[in-house]
Amino acid sequence: MEPLFIKKLKDVIREQVAIDNSVQIDGIGKFYKVHHNQTQKKAEDGSVVIMPPKDSIEFKSQINLPHDD
């Protein structure tokens, strides 16, 4: 595929997922937004670090690859 097509496809997927639309590409899979809540973790020095909430794009493949047994 042409690099410009890939860039434009990526831009469309990112824009649509950002406004809470999932993107389904038949025969390939689905891109969608997942929200991760704020978390806390303890640093090596004992201090508490707060990780802010964030959204990420996840992908669910429709392609089933054969298993090599």
PDB file of N, CA and C in Angstrom:
ATOM      1  N   MET A   1       0.834  -1.182   0.000  1.00  0.00           N
ATOM      2  CA  MET A   1       0.000   0.000   0.000  1.00  0.00           C
ATOM      3  C   MET A   1       0.878   1.245   0.000  1.00  0.00           C
ATOM      4  N   GLU A   2       0.362   2.266  -0.569  1.00  0.00           N
ATOM      5  CA  GLU A   2       1.092   3.523  -0.647  1.00  0.00           C
ATOM      6  C   GLU A   2       1.206   4.163   0.737  1.00  0.00           C
ATOM      7  N   PRO A   3       2.374   4.739   1.058  1.00  0.00           N
ATOM      8  CA  PRO A   3       2.548   5.393   2.362  1.00  0.00           C
ATOM      9  C   PRO A   3       1.514   6.493   2.626  1.00  0.00           C
ATOM     10  N   LEU A   4       1.117   7.255   1.613  1.00  0.00           N
ATOM     11  CA  LEU A   4       0.132   8.308   1.815  1.00  0.00           C
ATOM     12  C   LEU A   4      -1.222   7.720   2.191  1.00  0.00           C
ATOM     13  N   PHE A   5      -1.605   6.604   1.560  1.00  0.00           N
ATOM     14  CA  PHE A   5      -2.869   5.947   1.901  1.00  0.00           C
ATOM     15  C   PHE A   5      -2.856   5.480   3.353  1.00  0.00           C
ATOM     16  N   ILE A   6      -1.758   4.862   3.781  1.00  0.00           N
ATOM     17  CA  ILE A   6      -1.637   4.381   5.165  1.00  0.00           C
ATOM     18  C   ILE A   6      -1.745   5.549   6.137  1.00  0.00           C
ATOM     19  N   LYS A   7      -1.079   6.667   5.842  1.00  0.00           N
ATOM     20  CA  LYS A   7      -1.154   7.844   6.714  1.00  0.00           C
ATOM     21  C   LYS A   7      -2.581   8.369   6.809  1.00  0.00           C
ATOM     22  N   LYS A   8      -3.262   8.464   5.679  1.00  0.00           N
ATOM     23  CA  LYS A   8      -4.639   8.970   5.673  1.00  0.00           C
ATOM     24  C   LYS A   8      -5.570   8.015   6.407  1.00  0.00           C
ATOM     25  N   LEU A   9      -5.388   6.711   6.214  1.00  0.00           N
ATOM     26  CA  LEU A   9      -6.206   5.725   6.920  1.00  0.00           C
ATOM     27  C   LEU A   9      -6.009   5.842   8.425  1.00  0.00           C
ATOM     28  N   LYS A  10      -4.751   5.972   8.846  1.00  0.00           N
ATOM     29  CA  LYS A  10      -4.441   6.146  10.269  1.00  0.00           C
ATOM     30  C   LYS A  10      -5.103   7.403  10.822  1.00  0.00           C
ATOM     31  N   ASP A  11      -5.056   8.493  10.067  1.00  0.00           N
ATOM     32  CA  ASP A  11      -5.670   9.746  10.503  1.00  0.00           C
ATOM     33  C   ASP A  11      -7.182   9.602  10.675  1.00  0.00           C
ATOM     34  N   VAL A  12      -7.839   8.937   9.720  1.00  0.00           N
ATOM     35  CA  VAL A  12      -9.292   8.732   9.805  1.00  0.00           C
ATOM     36  C   VAL A  12      -9.642   7.859  11.001  1.00  0.00           C
ATOM     37  N   ILE A  13      -8.898   6.793  11.210  1.00  0.00           N
ATOM     38  CA  ILE A  13      -9.162   5.909  12.361  1.00  0.00           C
ATOM     39  C   ILE A  13      -9.009   6.691  13.658  1.00  0.00           C
ATOM     40  N   ARG A  14      -7.924   7.439  13.795  1.00  0.00           N
ATOM     41  CA  ARG A  14      -7.676   8.214  15.022  1.00  0.00           C
ATOM     42  C   ARG A  14      -8.782   9.246  15.258  1.00  0.00           C
ATOM     43  N   GLU A  15      -9.182   9.959  14.217  1.00  0.00           N
ATOM     44  CA  GLU A  15     -10.235  10.972  14.353  1.00  0.00           C
ATOM     45  C   GLU A  15     -11.562  10.352  14.775  1.00  0.00           C
ATOM     46  N   GLN A  16     -11.935   9.253  14.159  1.00  0.00           N
ATOM     47  CA  GLN A  16     -13.213   8.617  14.469  1.00  0.00           C
ATOM     48  C   GLN A  16     -13.226   8.026  15.878  1.00  0.00           C
ATOM     49  N   VAL A  17     -12.150   7.375  16.255  1.00  0.00           N
ATOM     50  CA  VAL A  17     -12.086   6.789  17.595  1.00  0.00           C
ATOM     51  C   VAL A  17     -12.077   7.886  18.654  1.00  0.00           C
ATOM     52  N   ALA A  18     -11.454   9.015  18.372  1.00  0.00           N
ATOM     53  CA  ALA A  18     -11.410  10.131  19.313  1.00  0.00           C
ATOM     54  C   ALA A  18     -12.799  10.677  19.620  1.00  0.00           C
ATOM     55  N   ILE A  19     -13.731  10.560  18.669  1.00  0.00           N
ATOM     56  CA  ILE A  19     -15.099  11.036  18.916  1.00  0.00           C
ATOM     57  C   ILE A  19     -16.039   9.879  19.253  1.00  0.00           C
ATOM     58  N   ASP A  20     -15.445   8.803  19.795  1.00  0.00           N
ATOM     59  CA  ASP A  20     -16.176   7.640  20.314  1.00  0.00           C
ATOM     60  C   ASP A  20     -16.857   6.786  19.250  1.00  0.00           C
ATOM     61  N   ASN A  21     -16.400   6.847  18.013  1.00  0.00           N
ATOM     62  CA  ASN A  21     -16.882   5.938  16.978  1.00  0.00           C
ATOM     63  C   ASN A  21     -15.866   4.812  16.829  1.00  0.00           C
ATOM     64  N   SER A  22     -16.339   3.582  16.716  1.00  0.00           N
ATOM     65  CA  SER A  22     -15.419   2.503  16.381  1.00  0.00           C
ATOM     66  C   SER A  22     -15.289   2.456  14.864  1.00  0.00           C
ATOM     67  N   VAL A  23     -14.196   1.866  14.392  1.00  0.00           N
ATOM     68  CA  VAL A  23     -13.942   1.760  12.956  1.00  0.00           C
ATOM     69  C   VAL A  23     -13.810   0.275  12.622  1.00  0.00           C
ATOM     70  N   GLN A  24     -14.726  -0.223  11.816  1.00  0.00           N
ATOM     71  CA  GLN A  24     -14.744  -1.623  11.395  1.00  0.00           C
ATOM     72  C   GLN A  24     -14.240  -1.711   9.955  1.00  0.00           C
ATOM     73  N   ILE A  25     -13.219  -2.533   9.736  1.00  0.00           N
ATOM     74  CA  ILE A  25     -12.734  -2.804   8.382  1.00  0.00           C
ATOM     75  C   ILE A  25     -13.041  -4.264   8.106  1.00  0.00           C
ATOM     76  N   ASP A  26     -14.033  -4.503   7.253  1.00  0.00           N
ATOM     77  CA  ASP A  26     -14.497  -5.869   6.993  1.00  0.00           C
ATOM     78  C   ASP A  26     -13.345  -6.773   6.571  1.00  0.00           C
ATOM     79  N   GLY A  27     -13.295  -7.938   7.198  1.00  0.00           N
ATOM     80  CA  GLY A  27     -12.267  -8.919   6.895  1.00  0.00           C
ATOM     81  C   GLY A  27     -10.955  -8.683   7.612  1.00  0.00           C
ATOM     82  N   ILE A  28     -10.822  -7.550   8.286  1.00  0.00           N
ATOM     83  CA  ILE A  28      -9.569  -7.245   8.985  1.00  0.00           C
ATOM     84  C   ILE A  28      -9.805  -7.131  10.485  1.00  0.00           C
ATOM     85  N   GLY A  29     -10.711  -6.236  10.902  1.00  0.00           N
ATOM     86  CA  GLY A  29     -10.966  -6.087  12.321  1.00  0.00           C
ATOM     87  C   GLY A  29     -11.568  -4.743  12.668  1.00  0.00           C
ATOM     88  N   LYS A  30     -11.559  -4.453  13.967  1.00  0.00           N
ATOM     89  CA  LYS A  30     -12.235  -3.280  14.494  1.00  0.00           C
ATOM     90  C   LYS A  30     -11.294  -2.503  15.414  1.00  0.00           C
ATOM     91  N   PHE A  31     -11.257  -1.166  15.243  1.00  0.00           N
ATOM     92  CA  PHE A  31     -10.524  -0.253  16.112  1.00  0.00           C
ATOM     93  C   PHE A  31     -11.534   0.443  17.013  1.00  0.00           C
ATOM     94  N   TYR A  32     -11.206   0.581  18.302  1.00  0.00           N
ATOM     95  CA  TYR A  32     -12.135   1.216  19.240  1.00  0.00           C
ATOM     96  C   TYR A  32     -11.363   1.824  20.408  1.00  0.00           C
ATOM     97  N   LYS A  33     -12.019   2.763  21.093  1.00  0.00           N
ATOM     98  CA  LYS A  33     -11.398   3.458  22.223  1.00  0.00           C
ATOM     99  C   LYS A  33     -11.674   2.700  23.524  1.00  0.00           C
ATOM    100  N   VAL A  34     -10.643   2.636  24.371  1.00  0.00           N
ATOM    101  CA  VAL A  34     -10.770   2.052  25.707  1.00  0.00           C
ATOM    102  C   VAL A  34     -10.285   3.088  26.707  1.00  0.00           C
ATOM    103  N   HIS A  35     -11.087   3.342  27.738  1.00  0.00           N
ATOM    104  CA  HIS A  35     -10.722   4.301  28.780  1.00  0.00           C
ATOM    105  C   HIS A  35     -10.055   3.561  29.935  1.00  0.00           C
ATOM    106  N   HIS A  36      -8.946   4.104  30.409  1.00  0.00           N
ATOM    107  CA  HIS A  36      -8.228   3.551  31.560  1.00  0.00           C
ATOM    108  C   HIS A  36      -8.321   4.573  32.687  1.00  0.00           C
ATOM    109  N   ASN A  37      -8.848   4.155  33.825  1.00  0.00           N
ATOM    110  CA  ASN A  37      -9.015   5.050  34.966  1.00  0.00           C
ATOM    111  C   ASN A  37      -7.670   5.439  35.576  1.00  0.00           C
ATOM    112  N   GLN A  38      -7.691   6.495  36.386  1.00  0.00           N
ATOM    113  CA  GLN A  38      -6.514   6.922  37.124  1.00  0.00           C
ATOM    114  C   GLN A  38      -6.065   5.796  38.045  1.00  0.00           C
ATOM    115  N   THR A  39      -4.756   5.596  38.148  1.00  0.00           N
ATOM    116  CA  THR A  39      -4.216   4.568  39.040  1.00  0.00           C
ATOM    117  C   THR A  39      -3.096   5.175  39.873  1.00  0.00           C
ATOM    118  N   GLN A  40      -2.721   4.446  40.907  1.00  0.00           N
ATOM    119  CA  GLN A  40      -1.601   4.844  41.758  1.00  0.00           C
ATOM    120  C   GLN A  40      -0.617   3.692  41.802  1.00  0.00           C
ATOM    121  N   LYS A  41       0.662   4.047  41.875  1.00  0.00           N
ATOM    122  CA  LYS A  41       1.657   3.003  42.086  1.00  0.00           C
ATOM    123  C   LYS A  41       2.746   3.561  42.975  1.00  0.00           C
ATOM    124  N   LYS A  42       3.403   2.665  43.666  1.00  0.00           N
ATOM    125  CA  LYS A  42       4.443   3.079  44.598  1.00  0.00           C
ATOM    126  C   LYS A  42       5.791   3.020  43.885  1.00  0.00           C
ATOM    127  N   ALA A  43       6.524   4.110  43.958  1.00  0.00           N
ATOM    128  CA  ALA A  43       7.852   4.182  43.348  1.00  0.00           C
ATOM    129  C   ALA A  43       8.866   3.466  44.228  1.00  0.00           C
ATOM    130  N   GLU A  44      10.047   3.231  43.685  1.00  0.00           N
ATOM    131  CA  GLU A  44      11.093   2.525  44.441  1.00  0.00           C
ATOM    132  C   GLU A  44      11.480   3.246  45.720  1.00  0.00           C
ATOM    133  N   ASP A  45      11.371   4.579  45.732  1.00  0.00           N
ATOM    134  CA  ASP A  45      11.730   5.339  46.930  1.00  0.00           C
ATOM    135  C   ASP A  45      10.596   5.404  47.955  1.00  0.00           C
ATOM    136  N   GLY A  46       9.473   4.733  47.664  1.00  0.00           N
ATOM    137  CA  GLY A  46       8.354   4.688  48.593  1.00  0.00           C
ATOM    138  C   GLY A  46       7.292   5.750  48.346  1.00  0.00           C
ATOM    139  N   SER A  47       7.574   6.700  47.485  1.00  0.00           N
ATOM    140  CA  SER A  47       6.576   7.731  47.199  1.00  0.00           C
ATOM    141  C   SER A  47       5.482   7.160  46.301  1.00  0.00           C
ATOM    142  N   VAL A  48       4.324   7.783  46.357  1.00  0.00           N
ATOM    143  CA  VAL A  48       3.192   7.351  45.557  1.00  0.00           C
ATOM    144  C   VAL A  48       3.137   8.199  44.291  1.00  0.00           C
ATOM    145  N   VAL A  49       3.020   7.523  43.168  1.00  0.00           N
ATOM    146  CA  VAL A  49       2.939   8.196  41.876  1.00  0.00           C
ATOM    147  C   VAL A  49       1.532   7.996  41.343  1.00  0.00           C
ATOM    148  N   ILE A  50       0.873   9.089  40.988  1.00  0.00           N
ATOM    149  CA  ILE A  50      -0.481   9.012  40.440  1.00  0.00           C
ATOM    150  C   ILE A  50      -0.384   9.038  38.925  1.00  0.00           C
ATOM    151  N   MET A  51      -0.919   7.991  38.309  1.00  0.00           N
ATOM    152  CA  MET A  51      -0.953   7.900  36.858  1.00  0.00           C
ATOM    153  C   MET A  51      -2.309   8.437  36.400  1.00  0.00           C
ATOM    154  N   PRO A  52      -2.331   9.464  35.564  1.00  0.00           N
ATOM    155  CA  PRO A  52      -3.603  10.071  35.165  1.00  0.00           C
ATOM    156  C   PRO A  52      -4.430   9.131  34.283  1.00  0.00           C
ATOM    157  N   PRO A  53      -5.735   9.389  34.212  1.00  0.00           N
ATOM    158  CA  PRO A  53      -6.561   8.576  33.318  1.00  0.00           C
ATOM    159  C   PRO A  53      -6.145   8.819  31.873  1.00  0.00           C
ATOM    160  N   LYS A  54      -6.384   7.833  31.030  1.00  0.00           N
ATOM    161  CA  LYS A  54      -6.046   8.007  29.624  1.00  0.00           C
ATOM    162  C   LYS A  54      -6.943   7.125  28.765  1.00  0.00           C
ATOM    163  N   ASP A  55      -7.028   7.485  27.515  1.00  0.00           N
ATOM    164  CA  ASP A  55      -7.737   6.690  26.527  1.00  0.00           C
ATOM    165  C   ASP A  55      -6.713   6.094  25.577  1.00  0.00           C
ATOM    166  N   SER A  56      -6.987   4.892  25.111  1.00  0.00           N
ATOM    167  CA  SER A  56      -6.107   4.279  24.125  1.00  0.00           C
ATOM    168  C   SER A  56      -6.957   3.647  23.030  1.00  0.00           C
ATOM    169  N   ILE A  57      -6.337   3.429  21.889  1.00  0.00           N
ATOM    170  CA  ILE A  57      -7.004   2.763  20.774  1.00  0.00           C
ATOM    171  C   ILE A  57      -6.610   1.295  20.815  1.00  0.00           C
ATOM    172  N   GLU A  58      -7.606   0.417  20.763  1.00  0.00           N
ATOM    173  CA  GLU A  58      -7.346  -1.013  20.728  1.00  0.00           C
ATOM    174  C   GLU A  58      -7.895  -1.599  19.441  1.00  0.00           C
ATOM    175  N   PHE A  59      -7.398  -2.758  19.081  1.00  0.00           N
ATOM    176  CA  PHE A  59      -7.756  -3.408  17.831  1.00  0.00           C
ATOM    177  C   PHE A  59      -8.152  -4.850  18.102  1.00  0.00           C
ATOM    178  N   LYS A  60      -9.290  -5.257  17.548  1.00  0.00           N
ATOM    179  CA  LYS A  60      -9.776  -6.636  17.640  1.00  0.00           C
ATOM    180  C   LYS A  60      -9.755  -7.219  16.236  1.00  0.00           C
ATOM    181  N   SER A  61      -8.883  -8.187  16.005  1.00  0.00           N
ATOM    182  CA  SER A  61      -8.712  -8.764  14.685  1.00  0.00           C
ATOM    183  C   SER A  61      -9.842  -9.738  14.346  1.00  0.00           C
ATOM    184  N   GLN A  62     -10.225  -9.771  13.083  1.00  0.00           N
ATOM    185  CA  GLN A  62     -11.162 -10.770  12.587  1.00  0.00           C
ATOM    186  C   GLN A  62     -10.431 -11.895  11.867  1.00  0.00           C
ATOM    187  N   ILE A  63      -9.127 -11.769  11.752  1.00  0.00           N
ATOM    188  CA  ILE A  63      -8.343 -12.744  11.008  1.00  0.00           C
ATOM    189  C   ILE A  63      -7.957 -13.892  11.938  1.00  0.00           C
ATOM    190  N   ASN A  64      -8.294 -15.087  11.517  1.00  0.00           N
ATOM    191  CA  ASN A  64      -7.934 -16.286  12.274  1.00  0.00           C
ATOM    192  C   ASN A  64      -6.773 -16.970  11.569  1.00  0.00           C
ATOM    193  N   LEU A  65      -5.620 -16.953  12.199  1.00  0.00           N
ATOM    194  CA  LEU A  65      -4.441 -17.604  11.629  1.00  0.00           C
ATOM    195  C   LEU A  65      -4.412 -19.063  12.030  1.00  0.00           C
ATOM    196  N   PRO A  66      -4.005 -19.941  11.124  1.00  0.00           N
ATOM    197  CA  PRO A  66      -3.921 -21.357  11.481  1.00  0.00           C
ATOM    198  C   PRO A  66      -2.806 -21.586  12.497  1.00  0.00           C
ATOM    199  N   HIS A  67      -3.013 -22.542  13.395  1.00  0.00           N
ATOM    200  CA  HIS A  67      -2.016 -22.898  14.398  1.00  0.00           C
ATOM    201  C   HIS A  67      -1.061 -23.928  13.833  1.00  0.00           C
ATOM    202  N   ASP A  68       0.210 -23.753  14.075  1.00  0.00           N
ATOM    203  CA  ASP A  68       1.196 -24.764  13.688  1.00  0.00           C
ATOM    204  C   ASP A  68       1.386 -25.705  14.860  1.00  0.00           C
ATOM    205  N   ASP A  69       0.892 -26.904  14.739  1.00  0.00           N
ATOM    206  CA  ASP A  69       1.032 -27.889  15.826  1.00  0.00           C
ATOM    207  C   ASP A  69       2.040 -28.937  15.490  1.00  0.00           C
TER     208      ASP A  69
END
